[in-house]
Amino acid sequence: MHPNTIQRAFIIKHLVDDYFEPGNQSRCLLQAWRNVVMKYYPCSMATFYRYISFVSGIEGYIGNGGNRIKVKKRVDKSLATPAVQLCLF
């Protein structure tokens, strides 16, 4: 991604962090896109979700404070075998 696009994705993610509440339909990601993000960075919903997923992959959560949703990290199973672990250490 272009550096300006990455910066825009981080700004959008931090705008959503202030608005988003998991479990509250009036403050869900769709409403955050409609009420907050579209005022600052008009973009399609697909682009919005792509930015959020990109930044969540880096930061590891959506939301702030106690409202964090952990994003599961993908584990490379080829490095989890005992033979490979012995070679690495």
Protein backbone atom coordinates (compact mmCIF):
# COMPACT_ATOMS: atom_id res chain seq x y z
CA MET A 1 0.00 0.00 0.00
CA HIS A 2 1.02 3.58 -0.57
CA PRO A 3 2.22 5.40 2.59
CA ASN A 4 -0.63 7.93 2.36
CA THR A 5 -3.16 5.12 2.18
CA ILE A 6 -1.67 3.50 5.27
CA GLN A 7 -1.80 6.82 7.11
CA ARG A 8 -5.45 7.28 6.06
CA ALA A 9 -6.27 3.77 7.28
CA PHE A 10 -4.76 4.52 10.71
CA ILE A 11 -6.69 7.81 10.97
CA ILE A 12 -9.96 6.05 10.06
CA LYS A 13 -9.21 3.30 12.59
CA HIS A 14 -8.69 5.83 15.38
CA LEU A 15 -11.91 7.65 14.42
CA VAL A 16 -13.76 4.34 14.69
CA ASP A 17 -12.10 3.53 18.04
CA ASP A 18 -13.74 6.60 19.58
CA TYR A 19 -17.21 5.67 18.26
CA PHE A 20 -17.41 1.86 18.15
CA GLU A 21 -19.03 -0.19 20.95
CA PRO A 22 -19.35 -3.96 20.48
CA GLY A 23 -22.87 -5.21 21.13
CA ASN A 24 -24.46 -1.79 20.63
CA GLN A 25 -26.22 -1.69 17.25
CA SER A 26 -26.42 2.11 17.24
CA ARG A 27 -22.61 2.30 17.55
CA CYS A 28 -21.57 -0.64 15.34
CA LEU A 29 -18.97 -0.46 12.56
CA LEU A 30 -21.61 0.29 9.92
CA GLN A 31 -22.93 3.25 11.93
CA ALA A 32 -19.36 4.42 12.57
CA TRP A 33 -18.79 4.41 8.82
CA ARG A 34 -22.03 6.31 8.17
CA ASN A 35 -21.83 8.87 10.98
CA VAL A 36 -18.12 9.50 11.47
CA VAL A 37 -15.91 8.28 8.63
CA MET A 38 -18.03 9.51 5.70
CA LYS A 39 -17.78 13.09 7.05
CA TYR A 40 -13.96 13.07 6.98
CA TYR A 41 -12.98 10.50 4.35
CA PRO A 42 -15.77 9.62 1.91
CA CYS A 43 -15.14 6.04 0.81
CA SER A 44 -17.11 2.94 0.00
CA MET A 45 -18.05 0.47 2.71
CA ALA A 46 -15.76 -2.15 1.15
CA THR A 47 -12.81 0.24 1.32
CA PHE A 48 -13.69 1.09 4.93
CA TYR A 49 -13.71 -2.57 5.95
CA ARG A 50 -10.44 -3.16 4.06
CA TYR A 51 -8.78 -0.31 5.98
CA ILE A 52 -10.13 -1.55 9.32
CA SER A 53 -8.99 -5.12 8.69
CA PHE A 54 -5.55 -3.93 7.56
CA VAL A 55 -4.95 -1.82 10.67
CA SER A 56 -6.52 -4.40 13.00
CA GLY A 57 -4.06 -6.94 11.64
CA ILE A 58 -1.24 -4.64 12.71
CA GLU A 59 -2.62 -3.38 16.03
CA GLY A 60 -4.51 -6.55 16.94
CA TYR A 61 -7.82 -5.15 18.17
CA ILE A 62 -10.87 -3.09 17.34
CA GLY A 63 -12.16 -0.64 19.91
CA ASN A 64 -10.60 1.02 22.92
CA GLY A 65 -10.64 0.60 26.67
CA GLY A 66 -12.51 -2.50 27.79
CA ASN A 67 -14.21 -2.90 24.43
CA ARG A 68 -11.39 -4.73 22.68
CA ILE A 69 -12.10 -7.51 20.25
CA LYS A 70 -9.03 -9.65 19.85
CA VAL A 71 -8.19 -10.59 16.29
CA LYS A 72 -6.80 -14.11 16.15
CA LYS A 73 -3.31 -14.26 14.74
CA ARG A 74 -2.69 -16.90 12.14
CA VAL A 75 -0.10 -19.44 13.29
CA ASP A 76 2.25 -20.91 10.75
CA LYS A 77 1.86 -24.63 11.42
CA SER A 78 4.97 -25.54 9.48
CA LEU A 79 7.07 -23.94 12.26
CA ALA A 80 5.12 -25.69 15.03
CA THR A 81 6.53 -29.17 14.40
CA PRO A 82 9.14 -30.42 16.91
CA ALA A 83 11.78 -31.08 14.25
CA VAL A 84 11.64 -27.50 12.99
CA GLN A 85 11.67 -26.10 16.53
CA LEU A 86 14.87 -28.02 17.29
CA CYS A 87 16.52 -26.55 14.21
CA LEU A 88 15.52 -23.01 15.18
CA PHE A 89 17.01 -23.09 18.67
